Protein backbone atom coordinates (compact mmCIF):
# COMPACT_ATOMS: atom_id res chain seq x y z
CA MET A 1 14.96 -27.03 -0.34
CA ALA A 2 18.24 -25.09 -0.64
CA ASP A 3 16.31 -22.07 -2.06
CA SER A 4 13.66 -22.13 0.81
CA TYR A 5 12.91 -19.47 3.30
CA ARG A 6 12.86 -19.16 7.07
CA GLY A 7 9.71 -17.72 8.45
CA VAL A 8 7.55 -14.81 7.42
CA PHE A 9 10.42 -12.46 6.70
CA GLY A 10 12.03 -14.83 4.34
CA ALA A 11 8.73 -15.85 2.69
CA ILE A 12 8.16 -12.32 1.44
CA PRO A 13 11.19 -12.00 -0.77
CA TYR A 14 10.84 -15.65 -1.69
CA ALA A 15 7.28 -15.19 -2.97
CA ILE A 16 8.42 -12.11 -4.99
CA ARG A 17 11.33 -13.92 -6.43
CA GLU A 18 9.56 -17.28 -7.30
CA THR A 19 6.26 -15.99 -8.77
CA GLU A 20 5.89 -15.58 -12.53
CA SER A 21 3.14 -13.01 -12.09
CA TRP A 22 4.18 -9.38 -12.26
CA THR A 23 0.96 -8.42 -10.50
CA MET A 24 2.08 -10.48 -7.56
CA ARG A 25 5.58 -9.06 -7.66
CA VAL A 26 4.17 -5.52 -7.42
CA TYR A 27 1.75 -6.53 -4.72
CA GLY A 28 4.59 -8.21 -2.83
CA VAL A 29 6.42 -4.93 -2.58
CA ILE A 30 3.43 -2.76 -1.92
CA GLY A 31 1.73 -5.23 0.51
CA ALA A 32 4.92 -5.79 2.40
CA LEU A 33 5.58 -2.10 2.86
CA ALA A 34 1.96 -1.45 3.85
CA ALA A 35 2.09 -4.34 6.34
CA GLY A 36 5.33 -2.95 7.83
CA LEU A 37 3.96 0.50 8.03
CA ILE A 38 0.80 -0.65 9.78
CA ALA A 39 2.75 -2.84 12.21
CA THR A 40 4.99 0.06 13.05
CA VAL A 41 2.03 2.48 13.61
CA VAL A 42 0.24 -0.01 15.73
CA THR A 43 3.29 -0.80 17.80
CA LEU A 44 4.19 2.89 18.39
CA ALA A 45 0.58 3.68 19.20
CA LEU A 46 0.48 0.88 21.70
CA VAL A 47 3.66 2.08 23.39
CA VAL A 48 2.22 5.63 23.65
CA TRP A 49 -1.03 4.30 24.94
CA MET A 50 0.71 2.13 27.46
CA ALA A 51 2.78 5.04 28.75
CA GLU A 52 -0.32 7.31 29.04
CA THR A 53 -2.20 4.59 31.04
CA ALA A 54 0.74 3.19 33.07
CA GLU A 55 -0.63 4.47 36.39
CA VAL A 56 -4.03 2.77 35.93
CA GLN A 57 -4.44 -0.66 37.43
CA SER A 58 -5.24 -3.59 35.19
CA GLY A 59 -8.82 -4.42 34.05
CA THR A 60 -10.51 -2.59 31.24
CA PHE A 61 -7.30 -0.89 30.02
CA LEU A 62 -5.40 -4.10 29.94
CA PHE A 63 -8.23 -5.76 27.98
CA SER A 64 -8.56 -2.88 25.49
CA ARG A 65 -4.78 -2.99 24.97
CA SER A 66 -5.10 -6.69 24.03
CA LEU A 67 -7.84 -5.95 21.67
CA TYR A 68 -5.73 -3.26 20.07
CA VAL A 69 -2.95 -5.71 19.32
CA ILE A 70 -5.52 -8.10 17.92
CA ALA A 71 -6.88 -5.39 15.71
CA GLY A 72 -3.38 -4.62 14.48
CA PHE A 73 -2.81 -8.26 13.71
CA ALA A 74 -6.13 -8.47 11.92
CA ALA A 75 -5.06 -5.55 9.63
CA VAL A 76 -1.59 -7.10 8.88
CA ALA A 77 -2.40 -10.79 8.49
CA PRO A 78 -4.66 -10.57 5.35
CA LEU A 79 -2.01 -8.19 3.82
CA LEU A 80 0.65 -10.84 4.11
CA ALA A 81 -1.61 -13.90 3.46
CA PRO A 82 -1.34 -13.68 -0.36
CA LEU A 83 2.48 -13.55 -0.12
CA LEU A 84 2.55 -16.44 2.32
CA PHE A 85 0.28 -18.56 0.27
CA VAL A 86 2.25 -17.96 -2.92
CA ALA A 87 5.52 -18.61 -1.10
CA ARG A 88 4.19 -21.87 0.37
CA ARG A 89 2.85 -22.96 -3.04
CA HIS A 90 6.20 -22.42 -4.75
CA ARG A 91 8.23 -23.96 -2.09
CA ARG A 92 6.07 -27.16 -1.97
CA GLY A 93 5.38 -27.22 -5.81
CA ASP A 94 1.65 -27.42 -5.07
CA PRO A 95 -0.48 -27.58 -8.25
CA VAL A 96 -3.01 -24.76 -8.59
CA LYS A 97 -5.40 -23.38 -11.20
CA ALA A 98 -4.23 -20.87 -13.75
CA GLY A 99 -3.98 -17.32 -12.44
CA TYR A 100 -3.54 -18.26 -8.74
CA ASP A 101 -0.75 -15.86 -8.01
CA ARG A 102 -2.27 -13.00 -10.04
CA LYS A 103 -5.67 -13.39 -8.42
CA LEU A 104 -4.29 -13.57 -4.98
CA ALA A 105 -2.49 -10.32 -5.66
CA TYR A 106 -5.84 -8.71 -6.75
CA GLY A 107 -7.34 -9.98 -3.52
CA GLY A 108 -4.46 -8.30 -1.56
CA PHE A 109 -4.95 -4.99 -3.39
CA LEU A 110 -8.59 -5.27 -2.64
CA PHE A 111 -7.87 -5.73 1.07
CA LEU A 112 -5.54 -2.73 1.00
CA ILE A 113 -8.20 -0.56 -0.46
CA SER A 114 -10.79 -1.86 1.93
CA LEU A 115 -8.55 -0.76 4.85
CA TYR A 116 -8.75 2.80 3.45
CA VAL A 117 -12.46 2.67 2.94
CA GLY A 118 -12.93 1.36 6.46
CA MET A 119 -10.80 4.24 7.84
CA VAL A 120 -12.98 6.75 5.92
CA ILE A 121 -16.12 5.22 7.31
CA SER A 122 -14.84 5.13 10.92
CA ALA A 123 -13.16 8.56 10.89
CA PRO A 124 -14.19 10.71 13.90
CA ALA A 125 -16.49 13.63 13.02
CA GLU A 126 -13.79 16.26 13.85
CA LEU A 127 -11.37 14.64 11.37
CA ARG A 128 -13.78 14.54 8.47
CA ASP A 129 -13.23 17.07 5.73
CA PRO A 130 -16.18 18.57 3.96
CA THR A 131 -16.42 17.16 0.54
CA GLU A 132 -18.62 17.40 -2.56
CA SER A 133 -17.85 13.73 -3.50
CA VAL A 134 -21.00 11.56 -3.44
CA VAL A 135 -19.05 8.36 -2.55
CA VAL A 136 -17.15 9.95 0.36
CA GLY A 137 -20.32 11.66 1.60
CA ALA A 138 -22.09 8.26 1.50
CA LEU A 139 -19.15 6.66 3.43
CA TYR A 140 -19.28 9.43 5.97
CA GLY A 141 -23.12 8.86 6.34
CA LEU A 142 -22.58 5.29 7.48
CA PRO A 143 -22.28 4.46 11.24
CA GLN A 144 -18.71 4.38 12.45
CA VAL A 145 -18.96 0.81 13.43
CA ALA A 146 -19.53 -0.13 9.80
CA GLY A 147 -15.90 0.66 9.13
CA VAL A 148 -15.15 -2.87 10.10
CA VAL A 149 -17.23 -4.43 7.29
CA PRO A 150 -15.07 -3.66 4.21
CA PRO A 151 -11.79 -5.09 5.51
CA VAL A 152 -13.55 -8.24 6.87
CA LEU A 153 -15.32 -8.85 3.59
CA ALA A 154 -12.03 -8.29 1.63
CA ALA A 155 -10.08 -10.59 4.03
CA LEU A 156 -12.70 -13.20 3.30
CA VAL A 157 -12.22 -12.69 -0.48
CA VAL A 158 -8.49 -13.27 -0.08
CA PHE A 159 -9.05 -16.50 1.73
CA ALA A 160 -11.79 -17.55 -0.66
CA ILE A 161 -9.52 -16.93 -3.65
CA HIS A 162 -6.95 -19.21 -2.11
CA TYR A 163 -9.31 -22.01 -1.17
CA ARG A 164 -11.05 -21.87 -4.58
CA LEU A 165 -7.93 -21.91 -6.75
CA ARG A 166 -5.60 -24.10 -4.58
CA ALA A 167 -6.77 -27.53 -5.77
CA PRO A 168 -7.01 -27.78 -9.55
CA ASP A 169 -9.58 -29.78 -11.49
CA ALA A 170 -8.49 -32.31 -13.94
CA THR A 171 -9.68 -29.99 -16.69
CA SER A 172 -8.06 -26.78 -15.42
CA PRO A 173 -4.65 -25.71 -16.80
CA THR A 174 -1.84 -25.20 -14.28
CA ASP A 175 -0.58 -21.72 -13.36
CA THR A 176 1.73 -20.28 -16.07
CA ASP A 177 0.35 -16.70 -15.87
CA THR A 178 2.94 -13.88 -16.26
CA THR A 179 0.75 -10.91 -15.92
């Protein structure tokens, strides 16, 4: 385990370095940058919010701050999950079905796109630009609460890909995918 990693920050470059899938390597860079950006935005927004509500006693504001942190974690965790799964697989030498790394990368990209779709759905009315796009118009027509659905479904897809492909059948080839 000389070439192992230490924690999440070491697992990201380890996964990028050890995978044979170029799709996972690209996702590793994009997913890690997106996760870092989201974590930074959530942290800075939380600091600003805490400063604005510093005079208020605990109760509802304290509870909503906690939910804000959980929502930020819920956005970052599925972005990093494909990288962590791949790093763990390579470190332990776990056998998997063919295409494991590549398909996890696809799941990660799906989750990234779903975050954008969720933001479009949940955008406040004053921030919505008029558009002639049928798709964006349909997304704007959904209730704002529905903005949570695409990321939740995409996160479930990421975890389903991992659990479906992690234990190979006797007839399945092992992962030698280089796409």
